[in-house]
Amino acid sequence: MLIADEFFLIAHNDTRGKAKLHPAATGLGLAAGLLGELILYGHITVASAQVTVIDRRPPADALAHTVLDQLIGEAQHQAVRTWLSFLAQTSVASVGERLARAGVLRRQESRRLLRTTVTYLPIDLNVAAWPATRLRAVLERAEPPGVPDALLLGLVAAAGLTREVLWSAGPRAHHRLNLIVPALPAPLKELVAHTEAAVGAAVLRGAP
């Protein structure tokens, strides 16, 4: 499962598909997950608060392909925070749809007062709960996590989702989480830092 997919399931680990985070934090965390996927694929890098495309070849994943096309098409905009804010506007829907296509979630529409609300409900609660359980086990192990898991843990912490992963973990896991982000490759470490700053700013100003 991809980074943003696992983040989505951790952030919506609920039978009703309800987010456990402030909406802005959820959107920004998912946006960072989508950028992180492209860094891991080798298509973009992040340095000095800028996003740079380094490989224009289309990724295999359709959503990653769409995000890369947006980055290429709007090359005049390179600031990480700009892209986090832009992608956050649609990230819940785009990642939710990706998980629905994969058969992990079921899309549900409800109409109230002329307004349509879309939620994504877990088809199998065990599958939906697995990412948080898996990350908890990763932190309890002696060996360091792989880079994708380390990035996911960094984004979980940046968005304020740590409790969802560590709720039953021991002190060893809490200690190890604090060591993971500083050990990330520089582009990913910078992405996590910008995500944390963007989440803090959005929540402080009460962004929807």
C-alpha atoms as a PDB file:
ATOM      1  CA  MET A   1       0.000   0.000   0.000  1.00  0.00           C
ATOM      2  CA  LEU A   2       1.259   3.485  -0.867  1.00  0.00           C
ATOM      3  CA  ILE A   3       2.230   6.189   1.639  1.00  0.00           C
ATOM      4  CA  ALA A   4      -0.845   8.397   1.221  1.00  0.00           C
ATOM      5  CA  ASP A   5      -3.157   5.346   1.284  1.00  0.00           C
ATOM      6  CA  GLU A   6      -1.804   4.186   4.631  1.00  0.00           C
ATOM      7  CA  PHE A   7      -1.945   7.736   6.016  1.00  0.00           C
ATOM      8  CA  PHE A   8      -5.597   7.953   4.920  1.00  0.00           C
ATOM      9  CA  LEU A   9      -6.493   4.722   6.731  1.00  0.00           C
ATOM     10  CA  ILE A  10      -4.702   5.800   9.922  1.00  0.00           C
ATOM     11  CA  ALA A  11      -6.444   9.188   9.798  1.00  0.00           C
ATOM     12  CA  HIS A  12      -9.870   7.602   9.133  1.00  0.00           C
ATOM     13  CA  ASN A  13      -9.632   4.456  11.260  1.00  0.00           C
ATOM     14  CA  ASP A  14     -13.351   4.511  12.008  1.00  0.00           C
ATOM     15  CA  THR A  15     -16.375   2.470  10.933  1.00  0.00           C
ATOM     16  CA  ARG A  16     -18.096   5.674   9.753  1.00  0.00           C
ATOM     17  CA  GLY A  17     -15.149   6.909   7.698  1.00  0.00           C
ATOM     18  CA  LYS A  18     -14.867   9.963   9.936  1.00  0.00           C
ATOM     19  CA  ALA A  19     -11.478  11.694  10.119  1.00  0.00           C
ATOM     20  CA  LYS A  20      -9.682  11.745  13.469  1.00  0.00           C
ATOM     21  CA  LEU A  21      -7.872  14.984  12.637  1.00  0.00           C
ATOM     22  CA  HIS A  22      -8.679  18.612  11.959  1.00  0.00           C
ATOM     23  CA  PRO A  23      -9.714  18.670   8.237  1.00  0.00           C
ATOM     24  CA  ALA A  24      -6.772  20.895   7.323  1.00  0.00           C
ATOM     25  CA  ALA A  25      -4.310  18.510   9.000  1.00  0.00           C
ATOM     26  CA  THR A  26      -5.842  15.538   7.185  1.00  0.00           C
ATOM     27  CA  GLY A  27      -5.622  17.255   3.804  1.00  0.00           C
ATOM     28  CA  LEU A  28      -2.066  18.480   4.332  1.00  0.00           C
ATOM     29  CA  GLY A  29      -0.871  15.104   5.601  1.00  0.00           C
ATOM     30  CA  LEU A  30      -2.318  13.401   2.528  1.00  0.00           C
ATOM     31  CA  ALA A  31      -0.835  16.069   0.244  1.00  0.00           C
ATOM     32  CA  ALA A  32       2.573  15.429   1.789  1.00  0.00           C
ATOM     33  CA  GLY A  33       2.044  11.709   1.318  1.00  0.00           C
ATOM     34  CA  LEU A  34       1.425  12.244  -2.409  1.00  0.00           C
ATOM     35  CA  LEU A  35       4.572  14.372  -2.740  1.00  0.00           C
ATOM     36  CA  GLY A  36       6.479  11.811  -0.680  1.00  0.00           C
ATOM     37  CA  GLU A  37       5.453   9.044  -3.069  1.00  0.00           C
ATOM     38  CA  LEU A  38       6.949  11.009  -5.971  1.00  0.00           C
ATOM     39  CA  ILE A  39      10.180  11.557  -4.018  1.00  0.00           C
ATOM     40  CA  LEU A  40      10.390   7.828  -3.277  1.00  0.00           C
ATOM     41  CA  TYR A  41       9.715   7.027  -6.959  1.00  0.00           C
ATOM     42  CA  GLY A  42      12.586   9.364  -7.907  1.00  0.00           C
ATOM     43  CA  HIS A  43      10.405  11.815  -9.845  1.00  0.00           C
ATOM     44  CA  ILE A  44      10.839  14.911  -7.669  1.00  0.00           C
ATOM     45  CA  THR A  45      13.079  16.218  -4.938  1.00  0.00           C
ATOM     46  CA  VAL A  46      12.688  18.854  -2.230  1.00  0.00           C
ATOM     47  CA  ALA A  47      15.465  21.251  -1.222  1.00  0.00           C
ATOM     48  CA  SER A  48      15.566  24.808   0.112  1.00  0.00           C
ATOM     49  CA  ALA A  49      11.756  24.811   0.415  1.00  0.00           C
ATOM     50  CA  GLN A  50      11.364  24.145  -3.326  1.00  0.00           C
ATOM     51  CA  VAL A  51       9.947  21.192  -5.264  1.00  0.00           C
ATOM     52  CA  THR A  52      11.922  20.225  -8.373  1.00  0.00           C
ATOM     53  CA  VAL A  53      10.884  17.655 -10.985  1.00  0.00           C
ATOM     54  CA  ILE A  54      13.854  15.416 -11.841  1.00  0.00           C
ATOM     55  CA  ASP A  55      12.144  12.681 -13.856  1.00  0.00           C
ATOM     56  CA  ARG A  56       9.165  13.461 -16.112  1.00  0.00           C
ATOM     57  CA  ARG A  57       8.407   9.862 -17.024  1.00  0.00           C
ATOM     58  CA  PRO A  58       4.897   8.890 -15.871  1.00  0.00           C
ATOM     59  CA  PRO A  59       4.664   6.786 -12.690  1.00  0.00           C
ATOM     60  CA  ALA A  60       2.698   3.550 -12.822  1.00  0.00           C
ATOM     61  CA  ASP A  61       0.114   4.809 -10.324  1.00  0.00           C
ATOM     62  CA  ALA A  62      -2.602   6.959 -11.930  1.00  0.00           C
ATOM     63  CA  LEU A  63      -2.879   9.448  -9.043  1.00  0.00           C
ATOM     64  CA  ALA A  64       0.895   9.878  -8.805  1.00  0.00           C
ATOM     65  CA  HIS A  65       0.878  10.467 -12.573  1.00  0.00           C
ATOM     66  CA  THR A  66      -1.778  13.190 -12.154  1.00  0.00           C
ATOM     67  CA  VAL A  67       0.165  14.938  -9.387  1.00  0.00           C
ATOM     68  CA  LEU A  68       3.387  14.818 -11.411  1.00  0.00           C
ATOM     69  CA  ASP A  69       1.582  16.304 -14.429  1.00  0.00           C
ATOM     70  CA  GLN A  70       0.341  19.141 -12.199  1.00  0.00           C
ATOM     71  CA  LEU A  71       3.860  19.831 -10.965  1.00  0.00           C
ATOM     72  CA  ILE A  72       5.179  19.868 -14.530  1.00  0.00           C
ATOM     73  CA  GLY A  73       2.301  22.008 -15.829  1.00  0.00           C
ATOM     74  CA  GLU A  74       2.734  24.633 -13.095  1.00  0.00           C
ATOM     75  CA  ALA A  75       6.524  24.743 -13.078  1.00  0.00           C
ATOM     76  CA  GLN A  76       6.481  28.430 -12.137  1.00  0.00           C
ATOM     77  CA  HIS A  77       5.218  27.371  -8.707  1.00  0.00           C
ATOM     78  CA  GLN A  78       7.893  25.496  -6.800  1.00  0.00           C
ATOM     79  CA  ALA A  79       7.371  26.329  -3.125  1.00  0.00           C
ATOM     80  CA  VAL A  80       6.683  23.216  -1.039  1.00  0.00           C
ATOM     81  CA  ARG A  81       4.092  25.029   1.071  1.00  0.00           C
ATOM     82  CA  THR A  82       2.242  26.165  -2.075  1.00  0.00           C
ATOM     83  CA  TRP A  83       1.991  22.589  -3.325  1.00  0.00           C
ATOM     84  CA  LEU A  84       0.978  21.239   0.057  1.00  0.00           C
ATOM     85  CA  SER A  85      -1.846  23.788   0.233  1.00  0.00           C
ATOM     86  CA  PHE A  86      -2.936  23.156  -3.354  1.00  0.00           C
ATOM     87  CA  LEU A  87      -2.942  19.355  -3.147  1.00  0.00           C
ATOM     88  CA  ALA A  88      -4.613  19.448   0.280  1.00  0.00           C
ATOM     89  CA  GLN A  89      -7.770  20.862  -1.348  1.00  0.00           C
ATOM     90  CA  THR A  90      -8.476  17.572  -3.157  1.00  0.00           C
ATOM     91  CA  SER A  91      -6.262  15.015  -1.426  1.00  0.00           C
ATOM     92  CA  VAL A  92      -8.981  13.406   0.713  1.00  0.00           C
ATOM     93  CA  ALA A  93     -11.156  12.758  -2.342  1.00  0.00           C
ATOM     94  CA  SER A  94      -8.316  11.679  -4.632  1.00  0.00           C
ATOM     95  CA  VAL A  95      -6.752   9.251  -2.155  1.00  0.00           C
ATOM     96  CA  GLY A  96     -10.178   8.043  -1.015  1.00  0.00           C
ATOM     97  CA  GLU A  97     -11.065   7.261  -4.637  1.00  0.00           C
ATOM     98  CA  ARG A  98      -7.762   5.427  -5.117  1.00  0.00           C
ATOM     99  CA  LEU A  99      -8.538   3.244  -2.106  1.00  0.00           C
ATOM    100  CA  ALA A 100     -12.085   2.704  -3.373  1.00  0.00           C
ATOM    101  CA  ARG A 101     -10.737   1.551  -6.748  1.00  0.00           C
ATOM    102  CA  ALA A 102      -8.429  -0.833  -4.891  1.00  0.00           C
ATOM    103  CA  GLY A 103     -11.403  -2.336  -3.061  1.00  0.00           C
ATOM    104  CA  VAL A 104     -10.286  -1.153   0.375  1.00  0.00           C
ATOM    105  CA  LEU A 105     -12.996   1.491   0.882  1.00  0.00           C
ATOM    106  CA  ARG A 106     -16.564   2.004  -0.289  1.00  0.00           C
ATOM    107  CA  ARG A 107     -17.632   5.435  -1.484  1.00  0.00           C
ATOM    108  CA  GLN A 108     -20.881   6.666   0.054  1.00  0.00           C
ATOM    109  CA  GLU A 109     -22.806   9.817  -0.817  1.00  0.00           C
ATOM    110  CA  SER A 110     -25.389  11.430   1.448  1.00  0.00           C
ATOM    111  CA  ARG A 111     -27.530  14.483   0.670  1.00  0.00           C
ATOM    112  CA  ARG A 112     -28.533  17.058   3.252  1.00  0.00           C
ATOM    113  CA  LEU A 113     -30.016  20.481   2.612  1.00  0.00           C
ATOM    114  CA  LEU A 114     -29.074  20.412  -1.086  1.00  0.00           C
ATOM    115  CA  ARG A 115     -25.517  19.474  -0.222  1.00  0.00           C
ATOM    116  CA  THR A 116     -23.851  16.171  -1.099  1.00  0.00           C
ATOM    117  CA  THR A 117     -21.323  14.752   1.359  1.00  0.00           C
ATOM    118  CA  VAL A 118     -18.970  11.956   0.342  1.00  0.00           C
ATOM    119  CA  THR A 119     -17.466   9.572   2.871  1.00  0.00           C
ATOM    120  CA  TYR A 120     -15.280   6.513   2.383  1.00  0.00           C
ATOM    121  CA  LEU A 121     -16.237   3.541   4.515  1.00  0.00           C
ATOM    122  CA  PRO A 122     -13.948   0.589   5.247  1.00  0.00           C
ATOM    123  CA  ILE A 123     -14.980  -2.646   3.575  1.00  0.00           C
ATOM    124  CA  ASP A 124     -12.929  -4.714   6.033  1.00  0.00           C
ATOM    125  CA  LEU A 125     -12.165  -3.146   9.425  1.00  0.00           C
ATOM    126  CA  ASN A 126      -9.084  -5.314   9.867  1.00  0.00           C
ATOM    127  CA  VAL A 127      -7.607  -4.025   6.610  1.00  0.00           C
ATOM    128  CA  ALA A 128      -8.397  -0.427   7.597  1.00  0.00           C
ATOM    129  CA  ALA A 129      -6.751  -0.871  11.008  1.00  0.00           C
ATOM    130  CA  TRP A 130      -3.673  -2.651   9.657  1.00  0.00           C
ATOM    131  CA  PRO A 131      -1.438   0.376   8.818  1.00  0.00           C
ATOM    132  CA  ALA A 132      -1.530   1.710  12.402  1.00  0.00           C
ATOM    133  CA  THR A 133      -0.964  -1.784  13.808  1.00  0.00           C
ATOM    134  CA  ARG A 134       1.891  -2.400  11.389  1.00  0.00           C
ATOM    135  CA  LEU A 135       3.644   0.883  12.238  1.00  0.00           C
ATOM    136  CA  ARG A 136       3.353   0.144  15.937  1.00  0.00           C
ATOM    137  CA  ALA A 137       5.086  -3.194  15.338  1.00  0.00           C
ATOM    138  CA  VAL A 138       7.773  -1.457  13.251  1.00  0.00           C
ATOM    139  CA  LEU A 139       8.580   0.838  16.184  1.00  0.00           C
ATOM    140  CA  GLU A 140       8.747  -2.069  18.611  1.00  0.00           C
ATOM    141  CA  ARG A 141      11.316  -3.941  16.505  1.00  0.00           C
ATOM    142  CA  ALA A 142      15.035  -3.593  17.063  1.00  0.00           C
ATOM    143  CA  GLU A 143      15.987  -2.915  13.437  1.00  0.00           C
ATOM    144  CA  PRO A 144      15.419   0.566  11.957  1.00  0.00           C
ATOM    145  CA  PRO A 145      12.407   1.021   9.665  1.00  0.00           C
ATOM    146  CA  GLY A 146      12.774   1.262   5.909  1.00  0.00           C
ATOM    147  CA  VAL A 147      12.627   4.709   4.343  1.00  0.00           C
ATOM    148  CA  PRO A 148       8.932   4.519   3.269  1.00  0.00           C
ATOM    149  CA  ASP A 149       7.859   3.525   6.796  1.00  0.00           C
ATOM    150  CA  ALA A 150      10.096   6.194   8.316  1.00  0.00           C
ATOM    151  CA  LEU A 151       8.478   8.804   6.058  1.00  0.00           C
ATOM    152  CA  LEU A 152       4.989   7.615   6.967  1.00  0.00           C
ATOM    153  CA  LEU A 153       5.845   7.791  10.661  1.00  0.00           C
ATOM    154  CA  GLY A 154       7.225  11.288  10.149  1.00  0.00           C
ATOM    155  CA  LEU A 155       4.018  12.433   8.458  1.00  0.00           C
ATOM    156  CA  VAL A 156       1.900  10.785  11.160  1.00  0.00           C
ATOM    157  CA  ALA A 157       3.801  12.775  13.776  1.00  0.00           C
ATOM    158  CA  ALA A 158       3.724  16.004  11.712  1.00  0.00           C
ATOM    159  CA  ALA A 159      -0.059  15.837  11.300  1.00  0.00           C
ATOM    160  CA  GLY A 160      -0.779  14.993  14.943  1.00  0.00           C
ATOM    161  CA  LEU A 161      -1.745  11.338  14.467  1.00  0.00           C
ATOM    162  CA  THR A 162       0.863   9.850  16.797  1.00  0.00           C
ATOM    163  CA  ARG A 163      -1.713   8.685  19.327  1.00  0.00           C
ATOM    164  CA  GLU A 164      -3.435   6.534  16.688  1.00  0.00           C
ATOM    165  CA  VAL A 165      -0.210   4.580  16.175  1.00  0.00           C
ATOM    166  CA  LEU A 166       1.268   4.563  19.689  1.00  0.00           C
ATOM    167  CA  TRP A 167      -1.841   4.192  21.864  1.00  0.00           C
ATOM    168  CA  SER A 168      -0.751   0.797  23.230  1.00  0.00           C
ATOM    169  CA  ALA A 169       2.998   1.023  22.592  1.00  0.00           C
ATOM    170  CA  GLY A 170       5.705   1.030  25.231  1.00  0.00           C
ATOM    171  CA  PRO A 171       8.330   3.701  25.969  1.00  0.00           C
ATOM    172  CA  ARG A 172      10.777   2.122  23.503  1.00  0.00           C
ATOM    173  CA  ALA A 173       8.433   2.914  20.596  1.00  0.00           C
ATOM    174  CA  HIS A 174       7.940   6.511  21.748  1.00  0.00           C
ATOM    175  CA  HIS A 175      11.703   6.987  22.008  1.00  0.00           C
ATOM    176  CA  ARG A 176      12.373   5.473  18.590  1.00  0.00           C
ATOM    177  CA  LEU A 177       9.779   7.665  16.912  1.00  0.00           C
ATOM    178  CA  ASN A 178      11.741  10.739  18.031  1.00  0.00           C
ATOM    179  CA  LEU A 179      14.863   9.399  16.303  1.00  0.00           C
ATOM    180  CA  ILE A 180      13.302   8.506  12.964  1.00  0.00           C
ATOM    181  CA  VAL A 181      12.665  11.880  11.326  1.00  0.00           C
ATOM    182  CA  PRO A 182      16.197  13.243  11.884  1.00  0.00           C
ATOM    183  CA  ALA A 183      17.547  10.121  10.141  1.00  0.00           C
ATOM    184  CA  LEU A 184      15.415  10.560   6.995  1.00  0.00           C
ATOM    185  CA  PRO A 185      17.078  11.466   3.668  1.00  0.00           C
ATOM    186  CA  ALA A 186      17.254  15.262   3.349  1.00  0.00           C
ATOM    187  CA  PRO A 187      14.375  15.750   0.850  1.00  0.00           C
ATOM    188  CA  LEU A 188      11.993  13.678   2.972  1.00  0.00           C
ATOM    189  CA  LYS A 189      13.113  15.295   6.220  1.00  0.00           C
ATOM    190  CA  GLU A 190      12.428  18.715   4.711  1.00  0.00           C
ATOM    191  CA  LEU A 191       9.019  17.571   3.436  1.00  0.00           C
ATOM    192  CA  VAL A 192       8.064  16.410   6.935  1.00  0.00           C
ATOM    193  CA  ALA A 193       9.243  19.696   8.466  1.00  0.00           C
ATOM    194  CA  HIS A 194       7.196  21.782   6.011  1.00  0.00           C
ATOM    195  CA  THR A 195       4.179  19.569   6.596  1.00  0.00           C
ATOM    196  CA  GLU A 196       4.395  20.027  10.357  1.00  0.00           C
ATOM    197  CA  ALA A 197       4.702  23.803   9.929  1.00  0.00           C
ATOM    198  CA  ALA A 198       1.779  23.939   7.486  1.00  0.00           C
ATOM    199  CA  VAL A 199      -0.438  21.839   9.758  1.00  0.00           C
ATOM    200  CA  GLY A 200       0.402  24.016  12.754  1.00  0.00           C
ATOM    201  CA  ALA A 201      -0.362  27.207  10.848  1.00  0.00           C
ATOM    202  CA  ALA A 202      -3.628  25.881   9.377  1.00  0.00           C
ATOM    203  CA  VAL A 203      -4.966  24.583  12.686  1.00  0.00           C
ATOM    204  CA  LEU A 204      -3.969  27.819  14.454  1.00  0.00           C
ATOM    205  CA  ARG A 205      -5.938  29.972  12.022  1.00  0.00           C
ATOM    206  CA  GLY A 206      -8.855  27.526  11.993  1.00  0.00           C
ATOM    207  CA  ALA A 207      -8.628  26.651   8.307  1.00  0.00           C
ATOM    208  CA  PRO A 208     -11.439  24.335   7.136  1.00  0.00           C
END
